[in-house]
Protein backbone atom coordinates (compact mmCIF):
# COMPACT_ATOMS: atom_id res chain seq x y z
CA MET A 1 0.00 0.00 0.00
CA ILE A 2 1.24 3.48 -0.76
CA SER A 3 -0.04 6.81 0.51
CA GLY A 4 0.83 10.23 -0.83
CA GLU A 5 1.95 13.30 1.09
CA ASP A 6 -1.63 14.32 1.88
CA GLN A 7 -2.52 10.72 2.91
CA SER A 8 -5.87 10.94 1.13
CA ASN A 9 -5.01 8.99 -2.02
CA SER A 10 -3.93 5.56 -0.74
CA LYS A 11 -3.62 2.64 -3.15
CA ILE A 12 -1.90 -0.71 -3.47
CA LEU A 13 0.97 -0.76 -5.98
CA LYS A 14 3.89 -2.99 -6.84
CA THR A 15 7.30 -1.86 -5.61
CA ALA A 16 8.56 -1.03 -9.10
CA GLU A 17 5.49 1.11 -9.86
CA ALA A 18 5.82 2.93 -6.53
CA MET A 19 9.52 3.63 -7.18
CA GLN A 20 8.67 4.94 -10.66
CA MET A 21 5.96 7.16 -9.20
CA ALA A 22 8.40 8.56 -6.63
CA MET A 23 11.01 9.28 -9.30
CA GLU A 24 8.46 11.15 -11.44
CA ASN A 25 7.42 13.38 -8.54
CA GLY A 26 10.98 13.93 -7.31
CA LEU A 27 10.17 12.35 -3.93
CA ASP A 28 11.45 9.41 -1.92
CA LEU A 29 9.63 6.13 -1.22
CA VAL A 30 9.74 5.62 2.55
CA GLU A 31 8.53 2.45 4.26
CA VAL A 32 6.37 3.55 7.18
CA SER A 33 5.00 0.25 8.49
CA PRO A 34 6.86 -2.82 7.24
CA ASN A 35 5.05 -5.34 9.49
CA GLN A 36 1.62 -4.83 7.96
CA ASP A 37 0.32 -6.83 5.04
CA PRO A 38 0.86 -5.20 2.52
CA PRO A 39 3.67 -2.96 3.88
CA VAL A 40 2.76 0.73 4.01
CA CYS A 41 5.00 3.23 2.22
CA ARG A 42 4.77 6.98 1.71
CA LEU A 43 5.95 9.32 -0.99
CA LEU A 44 7.72 12.22 0.67
CA ASP A 45 10.83 14.36 0.63
CA TYR A 46 12.94 12.44 3.14
CA GLY A 47 15.39 15.29 3.82
CA LYS A 48 12.54 17.66 4.65
CA PHE A 49 10.92 14.95 6.79
CA LYS A 50 14.11 14.42 8.86
CA TYR A 51 14.55 18.19 9.22
CA ASN A 52 11.01 18.59 10.58
CA LEU A 53 11.55 15.66 12.98
CA SER A 54 14.73 17.19 14.39
CA LYS A 55 13.03 20.57 14.71
CA ARG A 56 10.11 19.02 16.62
CA ASP A 57 12.50 17.09 18.89
CA LYS A 58 14.42 20.28 19.73
CA LYS A 59 11.16 22.06 20.53
CA ASN A 60 10.01 19.22 22.81
CA LYS A 61 13.41 19.03 24.47
CA SER A 62 13.37 22.72 25.33
CA LYS A 63 10.00 22.33 27.07
CA THR A 64 11.18 19.54 29.33
CA THR A 65 14.24 21.26 30.75
CA GLN A 66 13.92 21.99 34.42
CA THR A 67 15.19 25.33 35.60
CA GLN A 68 16.98 25.97 38.86
CA ARG A 69 16.03 29.15 40.65
CA GLU A 70 17.75 30.70 43.63
CA VAL A 71 16.37 32.34 46.74
CA ARG A 72 18.91 34.25 48.84
CA LEU A 73 18.70 34.90 52.55
CA ARG A 74 20.92 36.26 55.31
CA PRO A 75 21.37 34.83 58.82
CA GLY A 76 19.78 37.91 60.39
CA THR A 77 16.65 37.76 58.21
CA SER A 78 13.55 38.30 60.35
CA LYS A 79 11.03 35.51 60.88
CA HIS A 80 8.35 37.23 58.81
CA ASP A 81 10.72 37.79 55.88
CA VAL A 82 11.77 34.12 56.02
CA GLU A 83 8.08 33.17 55.83
CA LEU A 84 7.71 35.33 52.71
CA LYS A 85 10.75 33.64 51.17
CA ILE A 86 9.21 30.24 52.00
CA LYS A 87 6.07 31.33 50.12
CA LYS A 88 8.26 32.30 47.15
CA VAL A 89 10.05 28.94 47.25
CA ARG A 90 6.68 27.15 47.36
CA SER A 91 5.44 29.02 44.29
CA LEU A 92 8.67 28.28 42.39
CA LEU A 93 8.38 24.60 43.30
CA ASP A 94 4.78 24.55 42.14
CA ASP A 95 5.92 25.94 38.77
CA GLY A 96 8.23 22.93 38.46
CA SER A 97 11.57 24.56 39.18
CA LYS A 98 14.33 23.28 41.37
CA VAL A 99 15.15 25.85 44.02
CA ARG A 100 18.52 26.58 45.59
CA VAL A 101 18.11 28.29 48.95
CA ALA A 102 21.30 30.16 49.81
CA VAL A 103 22.18 31.91 53.06
CA MET A 104 24.95 34.41 52.44
CA LEU A 105 27.41 35.13 55.24
CA ARG A 106 29.32 38.42 55.44
CA GLY A 107 32.03 39.56 57.80
CA ARG A 108 31.68 38.19 61.31
CA GLU A 109 28.60 36.17 60.32
CA ALA A 110 31.00 33.61 58.84
CA ALA A 111 32.17 32.78 62.38
CA HIS A 112 28.64 31.59 63.26
CA PRO A 113 27.34 29.29 60.51
CA ASP A 114 24.89 27.76 63.01
CA PHE A 115 22.61 30.83 62.55
CA ALA A 116 22.59 30.21 58.80
CA MET A 117 21.81 26.52 59.34
CA LYS A 118 18.88 27.53 61.54
CA VAL A 119 17.46 29.65 58.68
CA LEU A 120 17.99 26.81 56.18
CA ARG A 121 16.25 24.34 58.49
CA SER A 122 13.25 26.65 58.85
CA VAL A 123 12.96 26.95 55.05
CA ALA A 124 13.31 23.18 54.60
CA GLU A 125 10.66 22.64 57.28
CA GLY A 126 8.34 25.11 55.53
CA VAL A 127 8.44 23.29 52.18
CA LYS A 128 8.80 19.68 53.33
CA ASP A 129 5.20 18.80 52.36
CA MET A 130 5.73 19.64 48.68
CA ALA A 131 9.46 19.26 48.07
CA LYS A 132 12.18 16.70 48.35
CA LEU A 133 15.70 17.56 49.38
CA ASP A 134 18.11 17.09 46.47
CA LYS A 135 21.22 18.43 48.13
CA ARG A 136 21.72 18.60 51.87
CA PRO A 137 22.89 21.90 53.37
CA SER A 138 26.50 22.46 52.45
CA ASN A 139 29.07 25.17 52.88
CA GLU A 140 30.36 26.78 49.68
CA GLY A 141 32.77 29.48 50.72
CA ARG A 142 30.74 32.22 52.39
CA THR A 143 27.43 30.66 51.39
CA LEU A 144 25.46 27.84 52.96
CA SER A 145 22.91 26.34 50.58
CA LEU A 146 20.52 23.49 49.95
CA VAL A 147 18.63 22.42 46.84
CA VAL A 148 15.00 21.26 46.82
CA SER A 149 12.95 19.98 43.91
CA PRO A 150 9.20 19.46 43.45
CA ALA A 151 7.87 16.23 44.93
CA PHE A 152 4.65 16.43 42.88
CA PRO A 153 3.79 17.17 39.22
CA ILE A 154 3.64 20.81 38.16
CA GLY A 155 0.59 22.76 39.37
CA THR A 156 -0.88 20.12 41.67
CA MET A 157 -0.12 21.94 44.91
CA LYS A 158 -2.13 25.03 43.86
CA ASN A 159 -5.16 22.80 43.36
CA LYS A 160 -4.65 21.18 46.78
CA ASP A 161 -4.39 24.61 48.43
CA LYS A 162 -7.70 25.68 46.84
CA GLU A 163 -9.41 22.48 48.05
CA ASN A 164 -8.13 23.05 51.60
CA LYS A 165 -9.50 26.62 51.68
CA GLU A 166 -13.01 25.57 50.61
């Protein structure tokens, strides 16, 4: 069986006739489904077909990339401000992003990393219901950070929040 580019005019032909037809139209004879009886072939420009496939794959690949966002804090950040940052982290997680929470230490703050760990623990505690810890808190120079990623599919936590309010 052979189908044209518009797939409306399908007919059964011998291989030689199909090859002749492809040569006349300046197209290629491509076997689409070899396991059927009779095998299904299409007349198409194979180079253009491969180009469109690669273009579609690139487009799909760009949609699936997960971004990593960063939220920065300081050890002296007030409790209310930390709660606002937790809200921001929750919204970023719900959008499907990985989030790096960084506590920046300056000057004498570097002598007391336990204050920074306390802030990181409070953020981790605030998002534990919707995130999983990818990277435990670690010290990177003057910055202590952790990385969390969404534990649920994108957008599901917003729906759960609406159900809880009603």
